[in-house]
PDB file of all heavy atoms in Angstrom:
ATOM      1  N   CYS A   1       0.857  -1.174   0.000  1.00  0.00           N
ATOM      2  CA  CYS A   1       0.000   0.000   0.000  1.00  0.00           C
ATOM      3  C   CYS A   1       0.893   1.225   0.000  1.00  0.00           C
ATOM      4  O   CYS A   1       1.558   1.514   1.002  1.00  0.00           O
ATOM      5  CB  CYS A   1      -0.922   0.000   1.220  1.00  0.00           C
ATOM      6  SG  CYS A   1      -1.918   1.496   1.402  1.00  0.00           S
ATOM      7  N   ALA A   2       0.918   1.939  -1.118  1.00  0.00           N
ATOM      8  CA  ALA A   2       1.730   3.140  -1.253  1.00  0.00           C
ATOM      9  C   ALA A   2       0.892   4.358  -0.900  1.00  0.00           C
ATOM     10  O   ALA A   2      -0.185   4.564  -1.460  1.00  0.00           O
ATOM     11  CB  ALA A   2       2.271   3.252  -2.669  1.00  0.00           C
ATOM     12  N   ALA A   3       1.384   5.168   0.023  1.00  0.00           N
ATOM     13  CA  ALA A   3       0.682   6.357   0.481  1.00  0.00           C
ATOM     14  C   ALA A   3       1.327   7.605  -0.095  1.00  0.00           C
ATOM     15  O   ALA A   3       2.553   7.688  -0.215  1.00  0.00           O
ATOM     16  CB  ALA A   3       0.676   6.427   2.006  1.00  0.00           C
ATOM     17  N   SER A   4       0.500   8.580  -0.433  1.00  0.00           N
ATOM     18  CA  SER A   4       0.990   9.870  -0.886  1.00  0.00           C
ATOM     19  C   SER A   4       0.100  10.960  -0.318  1.00  0.00           C
ATOM     20  O   SER A   4      -1.006  10.699   0.147  1.00  0.00           O
ATOM     21  CB  SER A   4       1.028   9.950  -2.414  1.00  0.00           C
ATOM     22  OG  SER A   4      -0.271   9.783  -2.963  1.00  0.00           O
ATOM     23  N   GLY A   5       0.587  12.195  -0.351  1.00  0.00           N
ATOM     24  CA  GLY A   5      -0.155  13.312   0.197  1.00  0.00           C
ATOM     25  C   GLY A   5       0.400  13.739   1.539  1.00  0.00           C
ATOM     26  O   GLY A   5       1.613  13.772   1.737  1.00  0.00           O
ATOM     27  N   SER A   6      -0.489  14.040   2.463  1.00  0.00           N
ATOM     28  CA  SER A   6      -0.102  14.557   3.771  1.00  0.00           C
ATOM     29  C   SER A   6       0.256  13.411   4.707  1.00  0.00           C
ATOM     30  O   SER A   6      -0.476  13.079   5.642  1.00  0.00           O
ATOM     31  CB  SER A   6      -1.236  15.403   4.355  1.00  0.00           C
ATOM     32  OG  SER A   6      -0.829  16.015   5.568  1.00  0.00           O
ATOM     33  N   ILE A   7       1.418  12.809   4.463  1.00  0.00           N
ATOM     34  CA  ILE A   7       1.828  11.603   5.184  1.00  0.00           C
ATOM     35  C   ILE A   7       1.959  11.848   6.683  1.00  0.00           C
ATOM     36  O   ILE A   7       1.609  10.982   7.491  1.00  0.00           O
ATOM     37  CB  ILE A   7       3.151  11.050   4.616  1.00  0.00           C
ATOM     38  CG1 ILE A   7       3.031  10.798   3.109  1.00  0.00           C
ATOM     39  CG2 ILE A   7       3.562   9.792   5.363  1.00  0.00           C
ATOM     40  CD1 ILE A   7       1.954   9.814   2.743  1.00  0.00           C
ATOM     41  N   VAL A   8       2.441  13.011   7.075  1.00  0.00           N
ATOM     42  CA  VAL A   8       2.680  13.273   8.489  1.00  0.00           C
ATOM     43  C   VAL A   8       1.400  13.340   9.301  1.00  0.00           C
ATOM     44  O   VAL A   8       1.445  13.280  10.530  1.00  0.00           O
ATOM     45  CB  VAL A   8       3.488  14.569   8.691  1.00  0.00           C
ATOM     46  CG1 VAL A   8       4.881  14.420   8.093  1.00  0.00           C
ATOM     47  CG2 VAL A   8       2.769  15.764   8.096  1.00  0.00           C
ATOM     48  N   SER A   9       0.248  13.451   8.644  1.00  0.00           N
ATOM     49  CA  SER A   9      -1.029  13.508   9.350  1.00  0.00           C
ATOM     50  C   SER A   9      -1.575  12.130   9.711  1.00  0.00           C
ATOM     51  O   SER A   9      -2.590  12.037  10.395  1.00  0.00           O
ATOM     52  CB  SER A   9      -2.073  14.255   8.521  1.00  0.00           C
ATOM     53  OG  SER A   9      -2.468  13.500   7.392  1.00  0.00           O
ATOM     54  N   ILE A  10      -0.915  11.064   9.276  1.00  0.00           N
ATOM     55  CA  ILE A  10      -1.402   9.710   9.512  1.00  0.00           C
ATOM     56  C   ILE A  10      -1.049   9.253  10.924  1.00  0.00           C
ATOM     57  O   ILE A  10       0.111   9.262  11.315  1.00  0.00           O
ATOM     58  CB  ILE A  10      -0.816   8.726   8.483  1.00  0.00           C
ATOM     59  CG1 ILE A  10      -1.248   9.114   7.071  1.00  0.00           C
ATOM     60  CG2 ILE A  10      -1.250   7.295   8.806  1.00  0.00           C
ATOM     61  CD1 ILE A  10      -0.586   8.288   5.979  1.00  0.00           C
ATOM     62  N   ASP A  11      -2.057   8.840  11.673  1.00  0.00           N
ATOM     63  CA  ASP A  11      -1.840   8.281  13.010  1.00  0.00           C
ATOM     64  C   ASP A  11      -1.663   6.767  12.974  1.00  0.00           C
ATOM     65  O   ASP A  11      -0.929   6.209  13.791  1.00  0.00           O
ATOM     66  CB  ASP A  11      -3.007   8.630  13.934  1.00  0.00           C
ATOM     67  CG  ASP A  11      -3.053  10.095  14.298  1.00  0.00           C
ATOM     68  OD1 ASP A  11      -1.979  10.713  14.441  1.00  0.00           O
ATOM     69  OD2 ASP A  11      -4.167  10.622  14.449  1.00  0.00           O
ATOM     70  N   ALA A  12      -2.343   6.116  12.046  1.00  0.00           N
ATOM     71  CA  ALA A  12      -2.240   4.669  11.948  1.00  0.00           C
ATOM     72  C   ALA A  12      -2.647   4.232  10.553  1.00  0.00           C
ATOM     73  O   ALA A  12      -3.423   4.909   9.874  1.00  0.00           O
ATOM     74  CB  ALA A  12      -3.116   3.983  12.994  1.00  0.00           C
ATOM     75  N   MET A  13      -2.129   3.092  10.137  1.00  0.00           N
ATOM     76  CA  MET A  13      -2.538   2.461   8.901  1.00  0.00           C
ATOM     77  C   MET A  13      -2.860   1.007   9.186  1.00  0.00           C
ATOM     78  O   MET A  13      -2.365   0.437  10.158  1.00  0.00           O
ATOM     79  CB  MET A  13      -1.454   2.556   7.828  1.00  0.00           C
ATOM     80  CG  MET A  13      -1.128   3.977   7.412  1.00  0.00           C
ATOM     81  SD  MET A  13       0.100   4.067   6.080  1.00  0.00           S
ATOM     82  CE  MET A  13      -0.848   3.409   4.697  1.00  0.00           C
ATOM     83  N   GLY A  14      -3.681   0.429   8.341  1.00  0.00           N
ATOM     84  CA  GLY A  14      -4.029  -0.956   8.559  1.00  0.00           C
ATOM     85  C   GLY A  14      -4.594  -1.617   7.329  1.00  0.00           C
ATOM     86  O   GLY A  14      -4.863  -0.971   6.308  1.00  0.00           O
ATOM     87  N   TRP A  15      -4.738  -2.922   7.438  1.00  0.00           N
ATOM     88  CA  TRP A  15      -5.348  -3.736   6.411  1.00  0.00           C
ATOM     89  C   TRP A  15      -6.669  -4.287   6.919  1.00  0.00           C
ATOM     90  O   TRP A  15      -6.750  -4.783   8.050  1.00  0.00           O
ATOM     91  CB  TRP A  15      -4.438  -4.899   6.014  1.00  0.00           C
ATOM     92  CG  TRP A  15      -3.201  -4.466   5.293  1.00  0.00           C
ATOM     93  CD1 TRP A  15      -1.969  -4.248   5.825  1.00  0.00           C
ATOM     94  CD2 TRP A  15      -3.090  -4.197   3.893  1.00  0.00           C
ATOM     95  NE1 TRP A  15      -1.087  -3.864   4.842  1.00  0.00           N
ATOM     96  CE2 TRP A  15      -1.750  -3.823   3.650  1.00  0.00           C
ATOM     97  CE3 TRP A  15      -3.977  -4.243   2.822  1.00  0.00           C
ATOM     98  CZ2 TRP A  15      -1.287  -3.494   2.372  1.00  0.00           C
ATOM     99  CZ3 TRP A  15      -3.518  -3.908   1.565  1.00  0.00           C
ATOM    100  CH2 TRP A  15      -2.188  -3.546   1.350  1.00  0.00           C
ATOM    101  N   TYR A  16      -7.689  -4.177   6.087  1.00  0.00           N
ATOM    102  CA  TYR A  16      -8.994  -4.759   6.337  1.00  0.00           C
ATOM    103  C   TYR A  16      -9.314  -5.742   5.218  1.00  0.00           C
ATOM    104  O   TYR A  16      -8.730  -5.681   4.136  1.00  0.00           O
ATOM    105  CB  TYR A  16     -10.080  -3.684   6.379  1.00  0.00           C
ATOM    106  CG  TYR A  16     -10.078  -2.831   7.623  1.00  0.00           C
ATOM    107  CD1 TYR A  16      -9.037  -1.950   7.890  1.00  0.00           C
ATOM    108  CD2 TYR A  16     -11.134  -2.890   8.530  1.00  0.00           C
ATOM    109  CE1 TYR A  16      -9.035  -1.160   9.033  1.00  0.00           C
ATOM    110  CE2 TYR A  16     -11.152  -2.101   9.666  1.00  0.00           C
ATOM    111  CZ  TYR A  16     -10.096  -1.234   9.911  1.00  0.00           C
ATOM    112  OH  TYR A  16     -10.117  -0.444  11.039  1.00  0.00           O
ATOM    113  N   ARG A  17     -10.240  -6.635   5.475  1.00  0.00           N
ATOM    114  CA  ARG A  17     -10.683  -7.528   4.410  1.00  0.00           C
ATOM    115  C   ARG A  17     -12.184  -7.741   4.499  1.00  0.00           C
ATOM    116  O   ARG A  17     -12.785  -7.634   5.558  1.00  0.00           O
ATOM    117  CB  ARG A  17      -9.956  -8.872   4.470  1.00  0.00           C
ATOM    118  CG  ARG A  17     -10.266  -9.720   5.692  1.00  0.00           C
ATOM    119  CD  ARG A  17      -9.363 -10.950   5.722  1.00  0.00           C
ATOM    120  NE  ARG A  17      -9.656 -11.814   6.853  1.00  0.00           N
ATOM    121  CZ  ARG A  17      -8.928 -12.872   7.199  1.00  0.00           C
ATOM    122  NH1 ARG A  17      -7.853 -13.194   6.481  1.00  0.00           N
ATOM    123  NH2 ARG A  17      -9.270 -13.616   8.247  1.00  0.00           N
ATOM    124  N   GLN A  18     -12.772  -8.022   3.351  1.00  0.00           N
ATOM    125  CA  GLN A  18     -14.197  -8.273   3.272  1.00  0.00           C
ATOM    126  C   GLN A  18     -14.435  -9.457   2.357  1.00  0.00           C
ATOM    127  O   GLN A  18     -14.216  -9.373   1.146  1.00  0.00           O
ATOM    128  CB  GLN A  18     -14.950  -7.042   2.764  1.00  0.00           C
ATOM    129  CG  GLN A  18     -16.458  -7.191   2.817  1.00  0.00           C
ATOM    130  CD  GLN A  18     -17.169  -5.868   2.617  1.00  0.00           C
ATOM    131  OE1 GLN A  18     -16.609  -4.922   2.062  1.00  0.00           O
ATOM    132  NE2 GLN A  18     -18.401  -5.788   3.082  1.00  0.00           N
ATOM    133  N   ALA A  19     -14.864 -10.558   2.947  1.00  0.00           N
ATOM    134  CA  ALA A  19     -15.241 -11.729   2.185  1.00  0.00           C
ATOM    135  C   ALA A  19     -16.658 -11.549   1.651  1.00  0.00           C
ATOM    136  O   ALA A  19     -17.454 -10.787   2.197  1.00  0.00           O
ATOM    137  CB  ALA A  19     -15.153 -12.984   3.047  1.00  0.00           C
ATOM    138  N   SER A  20     -16.972 -12.260   0.592  1.00  0.00           N
ATOM    139  CA  SER A  20     -18.285 -12.160  -0.024  1.00  0.00           C
ATOM    140  C   SER A  20     -19.379 -12.441   0.993  1.00  0.00           C
ATOM    141  O   SER A  20     -19.359 -13.461   1.682  1.00  0.00           O
ATOM    142  CB  SER A  20     -18.386 -13.138  -1.186  1.00  0.00           C
ATOM    143  OG  SER A  20     -19.640 -13.060  -1.816  1.00  0.00           O
ATOM    144  N   GLY A  21     -20.318 -11.510   1.116  1.00  0.00           N
ATOM    145  CA  GLY A  21     -21.444 -11.675   2.012  1.00  0.00           C
ATOM    146  C   GLY A  21     -21.150 -11.431   3.476  1.00  0.00           C
ATOM    147  O   GLY A  21     -22.024 -11.667   4.316  1.00  0.00           O
ATOM    148  N   LYS A  22     -19.954 -10.961   3.808  1.00  0.00           N
ATOM    149  CA  LYS A  22     -19.579 -10.748   5.194  1.00  0.00           C
ATOM    150  C   LYS A  22     -19.198  -9.292   5.445  1.00  0.00           C
ATOM    151  O   LYS A  22     -18.964  -8.520   4.518  1.00  0.00           O
ATOM    152  CB  LYS A  22     -18.422 -11.664   5.591  1.00  0.00           C
ATOM    153  CG  LYS A  22     -18.702 -13.137   5.374  1.00  0.00           C
ATOM    154  CD  LYS A  22     -17.694 -14.019   6.073  1.00  0.00           C
ATOM    155  CE  LYS A  22     -17.933 -14.027   7.578  1.00  0.00           C
ATOM    156  NZ  LYS A  22     -17.050 -15.001   8.281  1.00  0.00           N
ATOM    157  N   GLN A  23     -19.139  -8.922   6.719  1.00  0.00           N
ATOM    158  CA  GLN A  23     -18.737  -7.582   7.108  1.00  0.00           C
ATOM    159  C   GLN A  23     -17.243  -7.382   6.889  1.00  0.00           C
ATOM    160  O   GLN A  23     -16.450  -8.330   6.966  1.00  0.00           O
ATOM    161  CB  GLN A  23     -19.064  -7.335   8.583  1.00  0.00           C
ATOM    162  CG  GLN A  23     -20.538  -7.344   8.927  1.00  0.00           C
ATOM    163  CD  GLN A  23     -21.212  -6.044   8.570  1.00  0.00           C
ATOM    164  OE1 GLN A  23     -20.557  -5.018   8.397  1.00  0.00           O
ATOM    165  NE2 GLN A  23     -22.528  -6.072   8.460  1.00  0.00           N
ATOM    166  N   ARG A  24     -16.858  -6.140   6.622  1.00  0.00           N
ATOM    167  CA  ARG A  24     -15.448  -5.812   6.550  1.00  0.00           C
ATOM    168  C   ARG A  24     -14.846  -5.916   7.948  1.00  0.00           C
ATOM    169  O   ARG A  24     -15.428  -5.440   8.929  1.00  0.00           O
ATOM    170  CB  ARG A  24     -15.256  -4.408   5.983  1.00  0.00           C
ATOM    171  CG  ARG A  24     -13.816  -4.059   5.679  1.00  0.00           C
ATOM    172  CD  ARG A  24     -13.688  -2.709   4.976  1.00  0.00           C
ATOM    173  NE  ARG A  24     -14.388  -2.700   3.685  1.00  0.00           N
ATOM    174  CZ  ARG A  24     -14.322  -1.690   2.817  1.00  0.00           C
ATOM    175  NH1 ARG A  24     -13.602  -0.617   3.099  1.00  0.00           N
ATOM    176  NH2 ARG A  24     -14.991  -1.765   1.684  1.00  0.00           N
ATOM    177  N   GLU A  25     -13.672  -6.544   8.047  1.00  0.00           N
ATOM    178  CA  GLU A  25     -13.044  -6.750   9.335  1.00  0.00           C
ATOM    179  C   GLU A  25     -11.594  -6.299   9.312  1.00  0.00           C
ATOM    180  O   GLU A  25     -10.919  -6.350   8.279  1.00  0.00           O
ATOM    181  CB  GLU A  25     -13.116  -8.223   9.748  1.00  0.00           C
ATOM    182  CG  GLU A  25     -12.361  -9.162   8.817  1.00  0.00           C
ATOM    183  CD  GLU A  25     -12.387 -10.604   9.276  1.00  0.00           C
ATOM    184  OE1 GLU A  25     -12.877 -10.878  10.391  1.00  0.00           O
ATOM    185  OE2 GLU A  25     -11.911 -11.474   8.516  1.00  0.00           O
ATOM    186  N   SER A  26     -11.119  -5.862  10.465  1.00  0.00           N
ATOM    187  CA  SER A  26      -9.734  -5.467  10.606  1.00  0.00           C
ATOM    188  C   SER A  26      -8.834  -6.693  10.614  1.00  0.00           C
ATOM    189  O   SER A  26      -9.137  -7.687  11.279  1.00  0.00           O
ATOM    190  CB  SER A  26      -9.542  -4.669  11.899  1.00  0.00           C
ATOM    191  OG  SER A  26      -8.183  -4.322  12.085  1.00  0.00           O
ATOM    192  N   VAL A  27      -7.722  -6.610   9.890  1.00  0.00           N
ATOM    193  CA  VAL A  27      -6.745  -7.690   9.822  1.00  0.00           C
ATOM    194  C   VAL A  27      -5.503  -7.355  10.637  1.00  0.00           C
ATOM    195  O   VAL A  27      -5.049  -8.151  11.455  1.00  0.00           O
ATOM    196  CB  VAL A  27      -6.355  -7.992   8.367  1.00  0.00           C
ATOM    197  CG1 VAL A  27      -5.246  -9.036   8.307  1.00  0.00           C
ATOM    198  CG2 VAL A  27      -7.578  -8.450   7.583  1.00  0.00           C
ATOM    199  N   ALA A  28      -4.941  -6.177  10.405  1.00  0.00           N
ATOM    200  CA  ALA A  28      -3.718  -5.765  11.080  1.00  0.00           C
ATOM    201  C   ALA A  28      -3.611  -4.254  11.044  1.00  0.00           C
ATOM    202  O   ALA A  28      -4.080  -3.609  10.106  1.00  0.00           O
ATOM    203  CB  ALA A  28      -2.483  -6.396  10.425  1.00  0.00           C
ATOM    204  N   VAL A  29      -2.997  -3.688  12.074  1.00  0.00           N
ATOM    205  CA  VAL A  29      -2.836  -2.245  12.205  1.00  0.00           C
ATOM    206  C   VAL A  29      -1.407  -1.935  12.627  1.00  0.00           C
ATOM    207  O   VAL A  29      -0.809  -2.678  13.418  1.00  0.00           O
ATOM    208  CB  VAL A  29      -3.825  -1.670  13.247  1.00  0.00           C
ATOM    209  CG1 VAL A  29      -3.545  -0.198  13.523  1.00  0.00           C
ATOM    210  CG2 VAL A  29      -5.266  -1.864  12.786  1.00  0.00           C
ATOM    211  N   ILE A  30      -0.866  -0.838  12.105  1.00  0.00           N
ATOM    212  CA  ILE A  30       0.422  -0.332  12.562  1.00  0.00           C
ATOM    213  C   ILE A  30       0.276   1.164  12.801  1.00  0.00           C
ATOM    214  O   ILE A  30      -0.258   1.890  11.967  1.00  0.00           O
ATOM    215  CB  ILE A  30       1.558  -0.663  11.565  1.00  0.00           C
ATOM    216  CG1 ILE A  30       2.913  -0.242  12.137  1.00  0.00           C
ATOM    217  CG2 ILE A  30       1.300  -0.046  10.200  1.00  0.00           C
ATOM    218  CD1 ILE A  30       4.094  -0.854  11.389  1.00  0.00           C
ATOM    219  N   THR A  31       0.735   1.636  13.959  1.00  0.00           N
ATOM    220  CA  THR A  31       0.610   3.042  14.308  1.00  0.00           C
ATOM    221  C   THR A  31       1.827   3.821  13.835  1.00  0.00           C
ATOM    222  O   THR A  31       2.824   3.253  13.387  1.00  0.00           O
ATOM    223  CB  THR A  31       0.448   3.237  15.816  1.00  0.00           C
ATOM    224  OG1 THR A  31       1.697   2.997  16.471  1.00  0.00           O
ATOM    225  CG2 THR A  31      -0.608   2.297  16.386  1.00  0.00           C
ATOM    226  N   SER A  32       1.740   5.138  13.970  1.00  0.00           N
ATOM    227  CA  SER A  32       2.830   6.001  13.533  1.00  0.00           C
ATOM    228  C   SER A  32       4.112   5.786  14.322  1.00  0.00           C
ATOM    229  O   SER A  32       5.189   6.153  13.843  1.00  0.00           O
ATOM    230  CB  SER A  32       2.411   7.471  13.615  1.00  0.00           C
ATOM    231  OG  SER A  32       2.075   7.824  14.940  1.00  0.00           O
ATOM    232  N   ILE A  33       4.025   5.199  15.519  1.00  0.00           N
ATOM    233  CA  ILE A  33       5.224   4.905  16.297  1.00  0.00           C
ATOM    234  C   ILE A  33       5.610   3.431  16.234  1.00  0.00           C
ATOM    235  O   ILE A  33       6.476   2.986  16.987  1.00  0.00           O
ATOM    236  CB  ILE A  33       5.082   5.357  17.766  1.00  0.00           C
ATOM    237  CG1 ILE A  33       3.915   4.664  18.454  1.00  0.00           C
ATOM    238  CG2 ILE A  33       4.928   6.870  17.834  1.00  0.00           C
ATOM    239  CD1 ILE A  33       3.878   4.923  19.953  1.00  0.00           C
ATOM    240  N   GLY A  34       4.964   2.671  15.346  1.00  0.00           N
ATOM    241  CA  GLY A  34       5.395   1.312  15.092  1.00  0.00           C
ATOM    242  C   GLY A  34       4.709   0.218  15.879  1.00  0.00           C
ATOM    243  O   GLY A  34       5.085  -0.956  15.744  1.00  0.00           O
ATOM    244  N   LEU A  35       3.723   0.546  16.696  1.00  0.00           N
ATOM    245  CA  LEU A  35       2.971  -0.483  17.398  1.00  0.00           C
ATOM    246  C   LEU A  35       2.116  -1.253  16.405  1.00  0.00           C
ATOM    247  O   LEU A  35       1.528  -0.660  15.500  1.00  0.00           O
ATOM    248  CB  LEU A  35       2.093   0.129  18.478  1.00  0.00           C
ATOM    249  CG  LEU A  35       2.812   0.859  19.612  1.00  0.00           C
ATOM    250  CD1 LEU A  35       1.798   1.503  20.550  1.00  0.00           C
ATOM    251  CD2 LEU A  35       3.717  -0.092  20.379  1.00  0.00           C
ATOM    252  N   THR A  36       2.027  -2.556  16.582  1.00  0.00           N
ATOM    253  CA  THR A  36       1.249  -3.401  15.683  1.00  0.00           C
ATOM    254  C   THR A  36       0.205  -4.190  16.445  1.00  0.00           C
ATOM    255  O   THR A  36       0.381  -4.539  17.615  1.00  0.00           O
ATOM    256  CB  THR A  36       2.147  -4.375  14.909  1.00  0.00           C
ATOM    257  OG1 THR A  36       2.875  -5.200  15.828  1.00  0.00           O
ATOM    258  CG2 THR A  36       3.128  -3.617  14.032  1.00  0.00           C
ATOM    259  N   MET A  37      -0.900  -4.479  15.764  1.00  0.00           N
ATOM    260  CA  MET A  37      -1.982  -5.278  16.308  1.00  0.00           C
ATOM    261  C   MET A  37      -2.519  -6.170  15.197  1.00  0.00           C
ATOM    262  O   MET A  37      -2.545  -5.762  14.036  1.00  0.00           O
ATOM    263  CB  MET A  37      -3.102  -4.389  16.855  1.00  0.00           C
ATOM    264  CG  MET A  37      -2.713  -3.580  18.069  1.00  0.00           C
ATOM    265  SD  MET A  37      -3.961  -2.332  18.515  1.00  0.00           S
ATOM    266  CE  MET A  37      -3.571  -1.064  17.312  1.00  0.00           C
ATOM    267  N   TYR A  38      -2.954  -7.378  15.563  1.00  0.00           N
ATOM    268  CA  TYR A  38      -3.433  -8.343  14.591  1.00  0.00           C
ATOM    269  C   TYR A  38      -4.748  -8.960  15.043  1.00  0.00           C
ATOM    270  O   TYR A  38      -4.985  -9.159  16.236  1.00  0.00           O
ATOM    271  CB  TYR A  38      -2.428  -9.474  14.402  1.00  0.00           C
ATOM    272  CG  TYR A  38      -1.102  -9.037  13.841  1.00  0.00           C
ATOM    273  CD1 TYR A  38      -0.060  -8.681  14.682  1.00  0.00           C
ATOM    274  CD2 TYR A  38      -0.903  -8.985  12.472  1.00  0.00           C
ATOM    275  CE1 TYR A  38       1.160  -8.275  14.164  1.00  0.00           C
ATOM    276  CE2 TYR A  38       0.314  -8.585  11.947  1.00  0.00           C
ATOM    277  CZ  TYR A  38       1.344  -8.230  12.802  1.00  0.00           C
ATOM    278  OH  TYR A  38       2.553  -7.831  12.278  1.00  0.00           O
ATOM    279  N   ALA A  39      -5.589  -9.290  14.073  1.00  0.00           N
ATOM    280  CA  ALA A  39      -6.758 -10.093  14.363  1.00  0.00           C
ATOM    281  C   ALA A  39      -6.316 -11.481  14.805  1.00  0.00           C
ATOM    282  O   ALA A  39      -5.302 -12.015  14.331  1.00  0.00           O
ATOM    283  CB  ALA A  39      -7.647 -10.199  13.135  1.00  0.00           C
ATOM    284  N   ASP A  40      -7.074 -12.088  15.711  1.00  0.00           N
ATOM    285  CA  ASP A  40      -6.724 -13.417  16.198  1.00  0.00           C
ATOM    286  C   ASP A  40      -6.593 -14.428  15.062  1.00  0.00           C
ATOM    287  O   ASP A  40      -5.758 -15.334  15.117  1.00  0.00           O
ATOM    288  CB  ASP A  40      -7.766 -13.906  17.199  1.00  0.00           C
ATOM    289  CG  ASP A  40      -7.687 -13.187  18.535  1.00  0.00           C
ATOM    290  OD1 ASP A  40      -6.651 -12.564  18.833  1.00  0.00           O
ATOM    291  OD2 ASP A  40      -8.671 -13.257  19.295  1.00  0.00           O
ATOM    292  N   SER A  41      -7.396 -14.274  14.033  1.00  0.00           N
ATOM    293  CA  SER A  41      -7.424 -15.235  12.947  1.00  0.00           C
ATOM    294  C   SER A  41      -6.149 -15.245  12.099  1.00  0.00           C
ATOM    295  O   SER A  41      -5.914 -16.206  11.362  1.00  0.00           O
ATOM    296  CB  SER A  41      -8.628 -14.970  12.038  1.00  0.00           C
ATOM    297  OG  SER A  41      -8.582 -13.659  11.504  1.00  0.00           O
ATOM    298  N   VAL A  42      -5.326 -14.197  12.202  1.00  0.00           N
ATOM    299  CA  VAL A  42      -4.118 -14.121  11.378  1.00  0.00           C
ATOM    300  C   VAL A  42      -2.838 -14.078  12.196  1.00  0.00           C
ATOM    301  O   VAL A  42      -1.742 -14.089  11.609  1.00  0.00           O
ATOM    302  CB  VAL A  42      -4.155 -12.913  10.418  1.00  0.00           C
ATOM    303  CG1 VAL A  42      -5.444 -12.921   9.600  1.00  0.00           C
ATOM    304  CG2 VAL A  42      -4.003 -11.599  11.179  1.00  0.00           C
ATOM    305  N   LYS A  43      -2.929 -14.053  13.509  1.00  0.00           N
ATOM    306  CA  LYS A  43      -1.739 -14.012  14.353  1.00  0.00           C
ATOM    307  C   LYS A  43      -0.834 -15.203  14.066  1.00  0.00           C
ATOM    308  O   LYS A  43      -1.291 -16.335  13.977  1.00  0.00           O
ATOM    309  CB  LYS A  43      -2.128 -13.988  15.831  1.00  0.00           C
ATOM    310  CG  LYS A  43      -2.659 -12.659  16.311  1.00  0.00           C
ATOM    311  CD  LYS A  43      -3.037 -12.718  17.787  1.00  0.00           C
ATOM    312  CE  LYS A  43      -3.583 -11.387  18.270  1.00  0.00           C
ATOM    313  NZ  LYS A  43      -4.057 -11.465  19.675  1.00  0.00           N
TER     314      LYS A  43
END
């Protein structure tokens, strides 16, 4: 995922996924200081 624009304004970035017929769910997150979090299903 390539980001452009006002990069310094980003507090966190992450990946979400949406399977057919299901709700969009969080997969993984990384904050501006490098903290990471993962969904249990992908840990």
